[in-house]
Amino acid sequence: MVALADDLPLPPRRFSLLTAIRRNPTITFGTVLLFALIAVAIVGPSFVSDPMKIAPVNRLRPPSERCTP
């Protein structure tokens, strides 16, 4: 009996990260989202003022007393 090419087992395929990324766009979206969140976490504190400058006395006054400058 002669073995045909269709009957032969396929060689084992090696795992390729690039192939997995191309086949599953959710990985790409998740990676982009992750890097965007990391960038916001790194750059975000530079846009916030110093919390020690806020006077709790002025913040806790009722709104009818006076307007804050």
PDB file of N, CA and C in Angstrom:
ATOM      1  N   MET A   1       0.842  -1.170   0.000  1.00  0.00           N
ATOM      2  CA  MET A   1       0.000   0.000   0.000  1.00  0.00           C
ATOM      3  C   MET A   1       0.893   1.241   0.000  1.00  0.00           C
ATOM      4  N   VAL A   2       0.575   2.192  -0.820  1.00  0.00           N
ATOM      5  CA  VAL A   2       1.371   3.409  -0.983  1.00  0.00           C
ATOM      6  C   VAL A   2       0.684   4.544  -0.213  1.00  0.00           C
ATOM      7  N   ALA A   3       1.471   5.281   0.558  1.00  0.00           N
ATOM      8  CA  ALA A   3       0.929   6.415   1.309  1.00  0.00           C
ATOM      9  C   ALA A   3       0.811   7.621   0.389  1.00  0.00           C
ATOM     10  N   LEU A   4      -0.342   8.201   0.371  1.00  0.00           N
ATOM     11  CA  LEU A   4      -0.560   9.388  -0.435  1.00  0.00           C
ATOM     12  C   LEU A   4      -0.160  10.626   0.363  1.00  0.00           C
ATOM     13  N   ALA A   5       0.048  11.713  -0.339  1.00  0.00           N
ATOM     14  CA  ALA A   5       0.456  12.953   0.319  1.00  0.00           C
ATOM     15  C   ALA A   5      -0.634  13.458   1.255  1.00  0.00           C
ATOM     16  N   ASP A   6      -1.901  13.155   0.960  1.00  0.00           N
ATOM     17  CA  ASP A   6      -2.998  13.603   1.808  1.00  0.00           C
ATOM     18  C   ASP A   6      -3.047  12.838   3.122  1.00  0.00           C
ATOM     19  N   ASP A   7      -2.510  11.651   3.146  1.00  0.00           N
ATOM     20  CA  ASP A   7      -2.558  10.827   4.345  1.00  0.00           C
ATOM     21  C   ASP A   7      -1.436  11.128   5.339  1.00  0.00           C
ATOM     22  N   LEU A   8      -0.407  11.817   4.890  1.00  0.00           N
ATOM     23  CA  LEU A   8       0.722  12.102   5.766  1.00  0.00           C
ATOM     24  C   LEU A   8       0.343  13.176   6.785  1.00  0.00           C
ATOM     25  N   PRO A   9       0.807  13.033   8.013  1.00  0.00           N
ATOM     26  CA  PRO A   9       0.494  14.059   9.015  1.00  0.00           C
ATOM     27  C   PRO A   9       1.255  15.350   8.722  1.00  0.00           C
ATOM     28  N   LEU A  10       0.642  16.464   9.066  1.00  0.00           N
ATOM     29  CA  LEU A  10       1.280  17.754   8.861  1.00  0.00           C
ATOM     30  C   LEU A  10       2.366  17.960   9.909  1.00  0.00           C
ATOM     31  N   PRO A  11       3.427  18.647   9.556  1.00  0.00           N
ATOM     32  CA  PRO A  11       4.462  18.924  10.553  1.00  0.00           C
ATOM     33  C   PRO A  11       3.900  19.884  11.614  1.00  0.00           C
ATOM     34  N   PRO A  12       4.364  19.747  12.847  1.00  0.00           N
ATOM     35  CA  PRO A  12       3.838  20.638  13.885  1.00  0.00           C
ATOM     36  C   PRO A  12       4.187  22.091  13.586  1.00  0.00           C
ATOM     37  N   ARG A  13       3.205  22.967  13.815  1.00  0.00           N
ATOM     38  CA  ARG A  13       3.401  24.392  13.544  1.00  0.00           C
ATOM     39  C   ARG A  13       3.954  25.062  14.790  1.00  0.00           C
ATOM     40  N   ARG A  14       4.885  25.948  14.591  1.00  0.00           N
ATOM     41  CA  ARG A  14       5.439  26.695  15.707  1.00  0.00           C
ATOM     42  C   ARG A  14       4.547  27.883  16.003  1.00  0.00           C
ATOM     43  N   PHE A  15       4.466  28.258  17.265  1.00  0.00           N
ATOM     44  CA  PHE A  15       3.659  29.399  17.662  1.00  0.00           C
ATOM     45  C   PHE A  15       4.341  30.679  17.213  1.00  0.00           C
ATOM     46  N   SER A  16       3.593  31.526  16.553  1.00  0.00           N
ATOM     47  CA  SER A  16       4.117  32.808  16.106  1.00  0.00           C
ATOM     48  C   SER A  16       3.243  33.914  16.681  1.00  0.00           C
ATOM     49  N   LEU A  17       3.862  34.802  17.420  1.00  0.00           N
ATOM     50  CA  LEU A  17       3.120  35.893  18.041  1.00  0.00           C
ATOM     51  C   LEU A  17       2.525  36.820  16.984  1.00  0.00           C
ATOM     52  N   LEU A  18       3.262  37.085  15.937  1.00  0.00           N
ATOM     53  CA  LEU A  18       2.745  37.957  14.877  1.00  0.00           C
ATOM     54  C   LEU A  18       1.533  37.343  14.193  1.00  0.00           C
ATOM     55  N   THR A  19       1.546  36.050  13.996  1.00  0.00           N
ATOM     56  CA  THR A  19       0.396  35.384  13.390  1.00  0.00           C
ATOM     57  C   THR A  19      -0.815  35.470  14.313  1.00  0.00           C
ATOM     58  N   ALA A  20      -0.603  35.295  15.596  1.00  0.00           N
ATOM     59  CA  ALA A  20      -1.705  35.391  16.553  1.00  0.00           C
ATOM     60  C   ALA A  20      -2.292  36.799  16.573  1.00  0.00           C
ATOM     61  N   ILE A  21      -1.432  37.805  16.490  1.00  0.00           N
ATOM     62  CA  ILE A  21      -1.914  39.193  16.490  1.00  0.00           C
ATOM     63  C   ILE A  21      -2.698  39.488  15.213  1.00  0.00           C
ATOM     64  N   ARG A  22      -2.205  39.002  14.074  1.00  0.00           N
ATOM     65  CA  ARG A  22      -2.918  39.237  12.823  1.00  0.00           C
ATOM     66  C   ARG A  22      -4.270  38.541  12.785  1.00  0.00           C
ATOM     67  N   ARG A  23      -4.371  37.378  13.382  1.00  0.00           N
ATOM     68  CA  ARG A  23      -5.620  36.630  13.349  1.00  0.00           C
ATOM     69  C   ARG A  23      -6.639  37.128  14.373  1.00  0.00           C
ATOM     70  N   ASN A  24      -6.187  37.807  15.397  1.00  0.00           N
ATOM     71  CA  ASN A  24      -7.088  38.241  16.458  1.00  0.00           C
ATOM     72  C   ASN A  24      -6.929  39.751  16.678  1.00  0.00           C
ATOM     73  N   PRO A  25      -7.777  40.585  16.076  1.00  0.00           N
ATOM     74  CA  PRO A  25      -7.634  42.035  16.217  1.00  0.00           C
ATOM     75  C   PRO A  25      -7.927  42.531  17.635  1.00  0.00           C
ATOM     76  N   THR A  26      -8.552  41.714  18.454  1.00  0.00           N
ATOM     77  CA  THR A  26      -8.815  42.114  19.834  1.00  0.00           C
ATOM     78  C   THR A  26      -7.503  42.294  20.594  1.00  0.00           C
ATOM     79  N   ILE A  27      -6.506  41.509  20.276  1.00  0.00           N
ATOM     80  CA  ILE A  27      -5.194  41.663  20.908  1.00  0.00           C
ATOM     81  C   ILE A  27      -4.615  43.035  20.581  1.00  0.00           C
ATOM     82  N   THR A  28      -4.730  43.448  19.332  1.00  0.00           N
ATOM     83  CA  THR A  28      -4.220  44.747  18.920  1.00  0.00           C
ATOM     84  C   THR A  28      -4.963  45.870  19.633  1.00  0.00           C
ATOM     85  N   PHE A  29      -6.281  45.770  19.683  1.00  0.00           N
ATOM     86  CA  PHE A  29      -7.077  46.800  20.354  1.00  0.00           C
ATOM     87  C   PHE A  29      -6.727  46.873  21.842  1.00  0.00           C
ATOM     88  N   GLY A  30      -6.601  45.740  22.483  1.00  0.00           N
ATOM     89  CA  GLY A  30      -6.257  45.716  23.899  1.00  0.00           C
ATOM     90  C   GLY A  30      -4.874  46.279  24.169  1.00  0.00           C
ATOM     91  N   THR A  31      -3.928  46.001  23.297  1.00  0.00           N
ATOM     92  CA  THR A  31      -2.574  46.529  23.454  1.00  0.00           C
ATOM     93  C   THR A  31      -2.549  48.038  23.296  1.00  0.00           C
ATOM     94  N   VAL A  32      -3.269  48.545  22.294  1.00  0.00           N
ATOM     95  CA  VAL A  32      -3.340  50.000  22.095  1.00  0.00           C
ATOM     96  C   VAL A  32      -4.008  50.657  23.299  1.00  0.00           C
ATOM     97  N   LEU A  33      -5.074  50.067  23.793  1.00  0.00           N
ATOM     98  CA  LEU A  33      -5.766  50.614  24.955  1.00  0.00           C
ATOM     99  C   LEU A  33      -4.864  50.592  26.191  1.00  0.00           C
ATOM    100  N   LEU A  34      -4.129  49.529  26.382  1.00  0.00           N
ATOM    101  CA  LEU A  34      -3.216  49.426  27.513  1.00  0.00           C
ATOM    102  C   LEU A  34      -2.134  50.496  27.455  1.00  0.00           C
ATOM    103  N   PHE A  35      -1.538  50.698  26.285  1.00  0.00           N
ATOM    104  CA  PHE A  35      -0.501  51.720  26.159  1.00  0.00           C
ATOM    105  C   PHE A  35      -1.079  53.124  26.316  1.00  0.00           C
ATOM    106  N   ALA A  36      -2.316  53.348  25.881  1.00  0.00           N
ATOM    107  CA  ALA A  36      -2.951  54.656  26.081  1.00  0.00           C
ATOM    108  C   ALA A  36      -3.168  54.920  27.565  1.00  0.00           C
ATOM    109  N   LEU A  37      -3.612  53.934  28.311  1.00  0.00           N
ATOM    110  CA  LEU A  37      -3.803  54.112  29.755  1.00  0.00           C
ATOM    111  C   LEU A  37      -2.476  54.346  30.473  1.00  0.00           C
ATOM    112  N   ILE A  38      -1.439  53.662  30.053  1.00  0.00           N
ATOM    113  CA  ILE A  38      -0.119  53.877  30.653  1.00  0.00           C
ATOM    114  C   ILE A  38       0.370  55.289  30.361  1.00  0.00           C
ATOM    115  N   ALA A  39       0.155  55.767  29.140  1.00  0.00           N
ATOM    116  CA  ALA A  39       0.564  57.129  28.781  1.00  0.00           C
ATOM    117  C   ALA A  39      -0.203  58.168  29.601  1.00  0.00           C
ATOM    118  N   VAL A  40      -1.492  57.962  29.805  1.00  0.00           N
ATOM    119  CA  VAL A  40      -2.282  58.888  30.619  1.00  0.00           C
ATOM    120  C   VAL A  40      -1.796  58.865  32.063  1.00  0.00           C
ATOM    121  N   ALA A  41      -1.450  57.692  32.570  1.00  0.00           N
ATOM    122  CA  ALA A  41      -0.962  57.599  33.949  1.00  0.00           C
ATOM    123  C   ALA A  41       0.383  58.302  34.117  1.00  0.00           C
ATOM    124  N   ILE A  42       1.203  58.297  33.085  1.00  0.00           N
ATOM    125  CA  ILE A  42       2.505  58.951  33.173  1.00  0.00           C
ATOM    126  C   ILE A  42       2.389  60.460  32.980  1.00  0.00           C
ATOM    127  N   VAL A  43       1.606  60.899  31.999  1.00  0.00           N
ATOM    128  CA  VAL A  43       1.518  62.316  31.648  1.00  0.00           C
ATOM    129  C   VAL A  43       0.482  63.051  32.497  1.00  0.00           C
ATOM    130  N   GLY A  44      -0.518  62.353  33.000  1.00  0.00           N
ATOM    131  CA  GLY A  44      -1.623  62.985  33.710  1.00  0.00           C
ATOM    132  C   GLY A  44      -1.247  63.849  34.893  1.00  0.00           C
ATOM    133  N   PRO A  45      -0.354  63.412  35.769  1.00  0.00           N
ATOM    134  CA  PRO A  45      -0.031  64.244  36.934  1.00  0.00           C
ATOM    135  C   PRO A  45       0.550  65.607  36.593  1.00  0.00           C
ATOM    136  N   SER A  46       1.084  65.808  35.421  1.00  0.00           N
ATOM    137  CA  SER A  46       1.637  67.114  35.066  1.00  0.00           C
ATOM    138  C   SER A  46       0.539  68.146  34.793  1.00  0.00           C
ATOM    139  N   PHE A  47      -0.713  67.716  34.617  1.00  0.00           N
ATOM    140  CA  PHE A  47      -1.809  68.642  34.350  1.00  0.00           C
ATOM    141  C   PHE A  47      -2.607  69.007  35.598  1.00  0.00           C
ATOM    142  N   VAL A  48      -2.250  68.459  36.735  1.00  0.00           N
ATOM    143  CA  VAL A  48      -3.016  68.664  37.967  1.00  0.00           C
ATOM    144  C   VAL A  48      -2.277  69.647  38.849  1.00  0.00           C
ATOM    145  N   SER A  49      -3.044  70.533  39.526  1.00  0.00           N
ATOM    146  CA  SER A  49      -2.417  71.489  40.424  1.00  0.00           C
ATOM    147  C   SER A  49      -2.050  70.810  41.741  1.00  0.00           C
ATOM    148  N   ASP A  50      -1.329  71.526  42.560  1.00  0.00           N
ATOM    149  CA  ASP A  50      -0.875  70.993  43.841  1.00  0.00           C
ATOM    150  C   ASP A  50      -2.061  70.895  44.801  1.00  0.00           C
ATOM    151  N   PRO A  51      -2.372  69.710  45.313  1.00  0.00           N
ATOM    152  CA  PRO A  51      -3.525  69.580  46.207  1.00  0.00           C
ATOM    153  C   PRO A  51      -3.315  70.255  47.557  1.00  0.00           C
ATOM    154  N   MET A  52      -2.086  70.563  47.925  1.00  0.00           N
ATOM    155  CA  MET A  52      -1.838  71.226  49.205  1.00  0.00           C
ATOM    156  C   MET A  52      -2.209  72.706  49.161  1.00  0.00           C
ATOM    157  N   LYS A  53      -2.384  73.280  47.960  1.00  0.00           N
ATOM    158  CA  LYS A  53      -2.763  74.690  47.833  1.00  0.00           C
ATOM    159  C   LYS A  53      -4.251  74.904  48.092  1.00  0.00           C
ATOM    160  N   ILE A  54      -5.041  73.861  48.065  1.00  0.00           N
ATOM    161  CA  ILE A  54      -6.474  73.987  48.290  1.00  0.00           C
ATOM    162  C   ILE A  54      -6.715  74.191  49.775  1.00  0.00           C
ATOM    163  N   ALA A  55      -7.404  75.258  50.120  1.00  0.00           N
ATOM    164  CA  ALA A  55      -7.692  75.543  51.523  1.00  0.00           C
ATOM    165  C   ALA A  55      -8.997  74.839  51.894  1.00  0.00           C
ATOM    166  N   PRO A  56      -8.957  73.845  52.786  1.00  0.00           N
ATOM    167  CA  PRO A  56     -10.182  73.138  53.155  1.00  0.00           C
ATOM    168  C   PRO A  56     -11.238  74.037  53.783  1.00  0.00           C
ATOM    169  N   VAL A  57     -10.813  75.124  54.448  1.00  0.00           N
ATOM    170  CA  VAL A  57     -11.767  76.040  55.074  1.00  0.00           C
ATOM    171  C   VAL A  57     -12.636  76.694  54.003  1.00  0.00           C
ATOM    172  N   ASN A  58     -12.024  77.158  52.929  1.00  0.00           N
ATOM    173  CA  ASN A  58     -12.788  77.789  51.845  1.00  0.00           C
ATOM    174  C   ASN A  58     -13.622  76.761  51.078  1.00  0.00           C
ATOM    175  N   ARG A  59     -13.129  75.567  50.984  1.00  0.00           N
ATOM    176  CA  ARG A  59     -13.845  74.548  50.223  1.00  0.00           C
ATOM    177  C   ARG A  59     -15.102  74.085  50.944  1.00  0.00           C
ATOM    178  N   LEU A  60     -15.068  74.072  52.257  1.00  0.00           N
ATOM    179  CA  LEU A  60     -16.190  73.541  53.031  1.00  0.00           C
ATOM    180  C   LEU A  60     -17.223  74.606  53.402  1.00  0.00           C
ATOM    181  N   ARG A  61     -17.036  75.842  53.006  1.00  0.00           N
ATOM    182  CA  ARG A  61     -18.024  76.886  53.306  1.00  0.00           C
ATOM    183  C   ARG A  61     -19.278  76.654  52.473  1.00  0.00           C
ATOM    184  N   PRO A  62     -20.422  77.051  53.019  1.00  0.00           N
ATOM    185  CA  PRO A  62     -21.645  76.920  52.215  1.00  0.00           C
ATOM    186  C   PRO A  62     -21.622  77.895  51.045  1.00  0.00           C
ATOM    187  N   PRO A  63     -22.297  77.586  49.952  1.00  0.00           N
ATOM    188  CA  PRO A  63     -22.238  78.417  48.755  1.00  0.00           C
ATOM    189  C   PRO A  63     -22.874  79.796  48.926  1.00  0.00           C
ATOM    190  N   SER A  64     -23.731  79.989  49.916  1.00  0.00           N
ATOM    191  CA  SER A  64     -24.400  81.275  50.062  1.00  0.00           C
ATOM    192  C   SER A  64     -23.568  82.298  50.833  1.00  0.00           C
ATOM    193  N   GLU A  65     -22.462  81.881  51.436  1.00  0.00           N
ATOM    194  CA  GLU A  65     -21.685  82.812  52.263  1.00  0.00           C
ATOM    195  C   GLU A  65     -20.960  83.830  51.398  1.00  0.00           C
ATOM    196  N   ARG A  66     -20.142  83.392  50.495  1.00  0.00           N
ATOM    197  CA  ARG A  66     -19.426  84.295  49.591  1.00  0.00           C
ATOM    198  C   ARG A  66     -18.856  83.489  48.434  1.00  0.00           C
ATOM    199  N   CYS A  67     -18.559  84.174  47.373  1.00  0.00           N
ATOM    200  CA  CYS A  67     -17.942  83.518  46.225  1.00  0.00           C
ATOM    201  C   CYS A  67     -16.440  83.452  46.435  1.00  0.00           C
ATOM    202  N   THR A  68     -15.839  82.380  46.039  1.00  0.00           N
ATOM    203  CA  THR A  68     -14.391  82.274  46.150  1.00  0.00           C
ATOM    204  C   THR A  68     -13.749  83.016  44.996  1.00  0.00           C
ATOM    205  N   PRO A  69     -12.692  83.723  45.255  1.00  0.00           N
ATOM    206  CA  PRO A  69     -12.043  84.512  44.186  1.00  0.00           C
ATOM    207  C   PRO A  69     -11.360  83.654  43.172  1.00  0.00           C
TER     208      PRO A  69
END
